[in-house]
Amino acid sequence: MSFVNVDPFGMLAAAATLESLGSHMAVSNAAVASVTTKVPPPAADYVSKKLSLFFSSHGQQYQVQAARGTAFHRKLVRTLANGALAYEEVEIANNEGF
């Protein structure tokens, strides 16, 4: 039989730290969204306009991927916190039996 030792409070602390990091990343991504998705052309010629569209497109793609990463991060934090609470509930139930 295998035994698992888990520190629910440590898991909750880790979830809180990860939540804080995720919040900082979301704020940072939002702050640079306008300048990375709407890159102005450096000149009025055709090549400058095409490069502007190219870099703006990359900025838009980054924002899409960053949003996906943020959603995954939120699920990860929620799962970690829920796991910690589940372990804590089981520990309480086990101790009540004694």
C-alpha atoms as a PDB file:
ATOM      1  CA  MET A   1       0.000   0.000   0.000  1.00  0.00           C
ATOM      2  CA  SER A   2       1.303   3.434  -0.921  1.00  0.00           C
ATOM      3  CA  PHE A   3       1.154   6.403   1.374  1.00  0.00           C
ATOM      4  CA  VAL A   4       0.889   9.999   0.257  1.00  0.00           C
ATOM      5  CA  ASN A   5       1.968  12.882   2.436  1.00  0.00           C
ATOM      6  CA  VAL A   6       0.428  16.176   1.453  1.00  0.00           C
ATOM      7  CA  ASP A   7       0.630  19.571   3.083  1.00  0.00           C
ATOM      8  CA  PRO A   8      -2.701  21.218   2.191  1.00  0.00           C
ATOM      9  CA  PHE A   9      -1.559  24.566   3.581  1.00  0.00           C
ATOM     10  CA  GLY A  10       1.540  24.401   1.404  1.00  0.00           C
ATOM     11  CA  MET A  11      -0.630  23.634  -1.601  1.00  0.00           C
ATOM     12  CA  LEU A  12      -2.879  26.596  -0.798  1.00  0.00           C
ATOM     13  CA  ALA A  13       0.165  28.843  -0.403  1.00  0.00           C
ATOM     14  CA  ALA A  14       1.471  27.648  -3.773  1.00  0.00           C
ATOM     15  CA  ALA A  15      -1.932  28.298  -5.352  1.00  0.00           C
ATOM     16  CA  ALA A  16      -1.958  31.827  -3.913  1.00  0.00           C
ATOM     17  CA  THR A  17       1.549  32.496  -5.231  1.00  0.00           C
ATOM     18  CA  LEU A  18       0.629  31.169  -8.668  1.00  0.00           C
ATOM     19  CA  GLU A  19      -2.541  33.275  -8.649  1.00  0.00           C
ATOM     20  CA  SER A  20      -0.474  36.370  -7.897  1.00  0.00           C
ATOM     21  CA  LEU A  21       1.957  35.583 -10.713  1.00  0.00           C
ATOM     22  CA  GLY A  22      -0.941  35.027 -13.097  1.00  0.00           C
ATOM     23  CA  SER A  23      -2.484  38.357 -12.143  1.00  0.00           C
ATOM     24  CA  HIS A  24       0.786  40.160 -12.813  1.00  0.00           C
ATOM     25  CA  MET A  25       1.113  38.472 -16.205  1.00  0.00           C
ATOM     26  CA  ALA A  26      -2.467  39.357 -17.147  1.00  0.00           C
ATOM     27  CA  VAL A  27      -1.901  43.004 -16.206  1.00  0.00           C
ATOM     28  CA  SER A  28       1.358  43.084 -18.177  1.00  0.00           C
ATOM     29  CA  ASN A  29      -0.246  41.523 -21.252  1.00  0.00           C
ATOM     30  CA  ALA A  30      -3.136  43.976 -21.107  1.00  0.00           C
ATOM     31  CA  ALA A  31      -0.737  46.909 -20.745  1.00  0.00           C
ATOM     32  CA  VAL A  32       1.163  46.075 -23.935  1.00  0.00           C
ATOM     33  CA  ALA A  33      -1.794  44.868 -26.002  1.00  0.00           C
ATOM     34  CA  SER A  34      -2.400  48.154 -27.804  1.00  0.00           C
ATOM     35  CA  VAL A  35       1.231  48.785 -28.740  1.00  0.00           C
ATOM     36  CA  THR A  36       1.903  45.221 -29.889  1.00  0.00           C
ATOM     37  CA  THR A  37      -1.276  44.717 -31.906  1.00  0.00           C
ATOM     38  CA  LYS A  38      -1.362  48.111 -33.638  1.00  0.00           C
ATOM     39  CA  VAL A  39       2.199  48.771 -34.758  1.00  0.00           C
ATOM     40  CA  PRO A  40       2.318  52.008 -36.774  1.00  0.00           C
ATOM     41  CA  PRO A  41       4.314  52.002 -40.003  1.00  0.00           C
ATOM     42  CA  PRO A  42       7.627  53.865 -39.668  1.00  0.00           C
ATOM     43  CA  ALA A  43       7.121  55.467 -43.090  1.00  0.00           C
ATOM     44  CA  ALA A  44       4.422  55.913 -45.718  1.00  0.00           C
ATOM     45  CA  ASP A  45       5.886  53.488 -48.258  1.00  0.00           C
ATOM     46  CA  TYR A  46       4.473  50.093 -49.215  1.00  0.00           C
ATOM     47  CA  VAL A  47       7.121  47.993 -47.424  1.00  0.00           C
ATOM     48  CA  SER A  48       6.703  49.903 -44.156  1.00  0.00           C
ATOM     49  CA  LYS A  49       2.950  49.389 -44.254  1.00  0.00           C
ATOM     50  CA  LYS A  50       3.367  45.659 -44.930  1.00  0.00           C
ATOM     51  CA  LEU A  51       5.873  45.320 -42.080  1.00  0.00           C
ATOM     52  CA  SER A  52       3.479  47.165 -39.804  1.00  0.00           C
ATOM     53  CA  LEU A  53       0.723  44.692 -40.654  1.00  0.00           C
ATOM     54  CA  PHE A  54       3.142  41.774 -40.212  1.00  0.00           C
ATOM     55  CA  PHE A  55       4.247  42.851 -36.730  1.00  0.00           C
ATOM     56  CA  SER A  56       0.693  43.765 -35.716  1.00  0.00           C
ATOM     57  CA  SER A  57      -0.427  40.292 -36.771  1.00  0.00           C
ATOM     58  CA  HIS A  58       2.245  38.712 -34.580  1.00  0.00           C
ATOM     59  CA  GLY A  59       1.131  40.879 -31.669  1.00  0.00           C
ATOM     60  CA  GLN A  60      -2.468  39.768 -32.167  1.00  0.00           C
ATOM     61  CA  GLN A  61      -1.396  36.119 -32.299  1.00  0.00           C
ATOM     62  CA  TYR A  62       0.574  36.602 -29.088  1.00  0.00           C
ATOM     63  CA  GLN A  63      -2.467  38.086 -27.343  1.00  0.00           C
ATOM     64  CA  VAL A  64      -4.592  35.098 -28.421  1.00  0.00           C
ATOM     65  CA  GLN A  65      -2.007  32.654 -27.067  1.00  0.00           C
ATOM     66  CA  ALA A  66      -1.579  34.702 -23.890  1.00  0.00           C
ATOM     67  CA  ALA A  67      -5.347  34.531 -23.310  1.00  0.00           C
ATOM     68  CA  ARG A  68      -5.234  30.751 -23.757  1.00  0.00           C
ATOM     69  CA  GLY A  69      -2.334  30.575 -21.316  1.00  0.00           C
ATOM     70  CA  THR A  70      -4.229  32.702 -18.808  1.00  0.00           C
ATOM     71  CA  ALA A  71      -7.260  30.414 -19.018  1.00  0.00           C
ATOM     72  CA  PHE A  72      -5.061  27.344 -18.493  1.00  0.00           C
ATOM     73  CA  HIS A  73      -3.304  29.045 -15.600  1.00  0.00           C
ATOM     74  CA  ARG A  74      -6.605  29.830 -13.879  1.00  0.00           C
ATOM     75  CA  LYS A  75      -7.682  26.190 -14.223  1.00  0.00           C
ATOM     76  CA  LEU A  76      -4.352  25.036 -12.799  1.00  0.00           C
ATOM     77  CA  VAL A  77      -4.634  27.330  -9.780  1.00  0.00           C
ATOM     78  CA  ARG A  78      -8.249  26.301  -9.198  1.00  0.00           C
ATOM     79  CA  THR A  79      -7.337  22.602  -9.429  1.00  0.00           C
ATOM     80  CA  LEU A  80      -4.435  23.009  -7.019  1.00  0.00           C
ATOM     81  CA  ALA A  81      -6.594  24.855  -4.484  1.00  0.00           C
ATOM     82  CA  ASN A  82      -9.448  22.353  -4.825  1.00  0.00           C
ATOM     83  CA  GLY A  83      -6.997  19.483  -4.362  1.00  0.00           C
ATOM     84  CA  ALA A  84      -5.662  21.059  -1.189  1.00  0.00           C
ATOM     85  CA  LEU A  85      -9.174  21.488   0.182  1.00  0.00           C
ATOM     86  CA  ALA A  86     -10.050  17.896  -0.706  1.00  0.00           C
ATOM     87  CA  TYR A  87      -6.989  16.590   1.145  1.00  0.00           C
ATOM     88  CA  GLU A  88      -7.863  18.744   4.141  1.00  0.00           C
ATOM     89  CA  GLU A  89     -11.455  17.468   4.205  1.00  0.00           C
ATOM     90  CA  VAL A  90     -10.251  13.855   4.101  1.00  0.00           C
ATOM     91  CA  GLU A  91      -7.764  14.492   6.899  1.00  0.00           C
ATOM     92  CA  ILE A  92     -10.509  16.004   9.051  1.00  0.00           C
ATOM     93  CA  ALA A  93     -12.816  13.062   8.319  1.00  0.00           C
ATOM     94  CA  ASN A  94     -10.036  10.577   9.126  1.00  0.00           C
ATOM     95  CA  ASN A  95      -9.250  12.283  12.425  1.00  0.00           C
ATOM     96  CA  GLU A  96     -12.912  12.302  13.438  1.00  0.00           C
ATOM     97  CA  GLY A  97     -12.961   8.519  13.122  1.00  0.00           C
ATOM     98  CA  PHE A  98     -10.335   8.131  15.828  1.00  0.00           C
END
